[in-house]
Protein backbone atom coordinates (compact mmCIF):
# COMPACT_ATOMS: atom_id res chain seq x y z
CA MET A 1 -76.27 -146.80 38.61
CA VAL A 2 -75.43 -147.14 42.05
CA ILE A 3 -76.97 -149.76 44.50
CA LYS A 4 -76.22 -148.01 48.28
CA ASN A 5 -76.57 -150.71 50.95
CA HIS A 6 -77.23 -149.04 53.75
CA SER A 7 -77.29 -152.58 56.17
CA LEU A 8 -73.51 -152.39 56.23
CA SER A 9 -71.75 -151.27 59.58
CA PHE A 10 -67.82 -151.11 60.19
CA ASN A 11 -67.01 -150.88 63.28
CA ILE A 12 -63.60 -150.40 62.94
CA SER A 13 -61.58 -147.23 61.65
CA LEU A 14 -60.14 -147.04 58.36
CA GLU A 15 -56.31 -146.98 59.89
CA GLN A 16 -56.70 -150.74 60.85
CA ILE A 17 -58.44 -151.80 57.53
CA LEU A 18 -55.97 -153.10 54.81
CA TYR A 19 -58.76 -154.66 52.81
CA ILE A 20 -62.28 -154.67 52.57
CA THR A 21 -64.84 -157.27 50.23
CA VAL A 22 -68.54 -156.62 50.84
CA GLN A 23 -69.82 -159.91 51.94
CA ASN A 24 -72.63 -161.30 50.48
CA LEU A 25 -76.05 -160.33 51.55
CA ASP A 26 -79.47 -162.26 52.80
CA TYR A 27 -82.28 -160.68 50.86
CA PRO A 28 -81.96 -160.21 47.01
CA VAL A 29 -80.79 -157.04 45.17
CA ILE A 30 -83.38 -155.04 43.13
CA CYS A 31 -83.07 -153.21 39.88
CA PRO A 32 -83.54 -149.24 40.96
CA ILE A 33 -84.18 -149.44 37.48
CA CYS A 34 -86.84 -151.34 36.68
CA ASN A 35 -87.63 -153.33 40.31
CA TYR A 36 -86.27 -156.27 38.87
CA GLU A 37 -84.50 -159.28 40.74
CA VAL A 38 -80.60 -158.96 39.15
CA LYS A 39 -77.91 -161.21 39.77
CA ILE A 40 -73.91 -160.63 40.41
CA ARG A 41 -71.69 -160.42 37.71
CA ASP A 42 -68.43 -159.45 38.93
CA SER A 43 -66.77 -157.29 41.06
CA LYS A 44 -64.26 -154.12 40.37
CA ARG A 45 -61.87 -152.85 42.80
CA ARG A 46 -61.74 -149.16 43.98
CA TYR A 47 -59.72 -146.67 46.31
CA ILE A 48 -61.06 -144.33 48.68
CA LYS A 49 -58.36 -142.06 50.64
CA ASP A 50 -58.77 -140.92 54.26
CA GLU A 51 -57.52 -138.13 56.32
CA THR A 52 -54.53 -138.59 56.11
CA GLY A 53 -54.47 -139.54 52.24
CA GLN A 54 -53.78 -143.03 52.20
CA LYS A 55 -55.36 -145.49 49.74
CA ILE A 56 -57.42 -147.93 50.74
CA PRO A 57 -58.45 -150.85 48.14
CA LEU A 58 -62.15 -151.92 48.06
CA ASN A 59 -63.71 -154.82 46.24
CA LEU A 60 -67.23 -153.93 45.14
CA LYS A 61 -69.50 -155.57 43.81
CA ARG A 62 -70.73 -155.41 40.39
CA TYR A 63 -74.58 -156.37 39.34
CA TYR A 64 -76.57 -157.14 36.08
CA CYS A 65 -79.90 -156.60 35.23
CA SER A 66 -81.54 -158.70 32.38
CA ARG A 67 -84.56 -156.72 31.93
CA CYS A 68 -83.12 -153.42 31.26
CA ASN A 69 -79.41 -154.62 30.52
CA LYS A 70 -78.05 -151.98 33.15
CA LEU A 71 -74.85 -152.89 35.42
CA HIS A 72 -75.10 -151.56 38.91
CA THR A 73 -72.47 -151.39 41.29
CA GLU A 74 -72.83 -151.81 44.48
CA ILE A 75 -71.83 -149.22 47.17
CA PRO A 76 -71.31 -149.85 51.14
CA ASP A 77 -71.51 -146.70 53.23
CA ILE A 78 -68.53 -145.82 54.08
CA ILE A 79 -67.92 -144.73 50.54
CA GLU A 80 -69.93 -141.96 48.64
CA PRO A 81 -70.51 -142.69 45.08
CA TYR A 82 -68.54 -140.37 43.21
CA LYS A 83 -66.41 -139.19 45.72
CA GLN A 84 -62.52 -140.55 46.12
CA TYR A 85 -62.67 -139.90 49.92
CA ASP A 86 -64.55 -142.50 52.55
CA SER A 87 -67.81 -141.12 54.47
CA LEU A 88 -66.15 -140.32 57.70
CA THR A 89 -63.81 -137.97 56.78
CA ILE A 90 -66.05 -136.08 54.17
CA GLU A 91 -68.55 -135.28 57.48
CA LYS A 92 -65.73 -134.29 59.31
CA VAL A 93 -64.51 -131.90 56.91
CA LYS A 94 -68.14 -130.62 56.30
CA SER A 95 -68.37 -129.86 60.27
CA GLY A 96 -65.15 -128.62 60.80
CA ASP A 97 -64.01 -131.51 63.28
CA ILE A 98 -60.87 -131.92 61.46
CA SER A 99 -57.23 -130.72 62.36
CA SER A 100 -55.55 -131.36 59.01
CA PHE A 101 -56.48 -133.27 55.92
CA ALA A 102 -54.31 -134.05 52.92
CA GLY A 103 -57.13 -133.09 50.58
CA ASP A 104 -56.88 -129.56 48.58
CA ASP A 105 -57.88 -126.45 49.78
CA SER A 106 -60.85 -126.74 46.92
CA THR A 107 -62.28 -129.71 47.97
CA ILE A 108 -62.86 -128.59 51.49
CA ARG A 109 -65.13 -125.86 50.34
CA ASN A 110 -66.40 -127.52 47.76
CA TRP A 111 -67.57 -129.67 50.53
CA GLN A 112 -68.52 -127.19 53.19
CA ARG A 113 -70.68 -125.53 50.56
CA LYS A 114 -72.77 -128.28 49.90
CA LYS A 115 -73.28 -128.93 53.38
């Protein structure tokens, strides 16, 4: 299960990012399944790609719910769940505002079809 964190904002371009770690939240994180407060378990490394295909490493926090025994990953707004590319690149491709893109043509068609 994914915990989408809408409170994070990034005011820098992806070209300037070498490494991102999501900071601690000021409020409790709630399990999306049973609405119980979850505890930080660990973190995992995930890579996303920008429009040039450059891989950007991210450290994503993982939370454990002791009530429903589920593990959840916090996903910042800069990435889409289950996608390899960052949110900005996906939106640019969907709207046609991108001149060059390192991804496959089939990826572009799939994203544009799912507007």
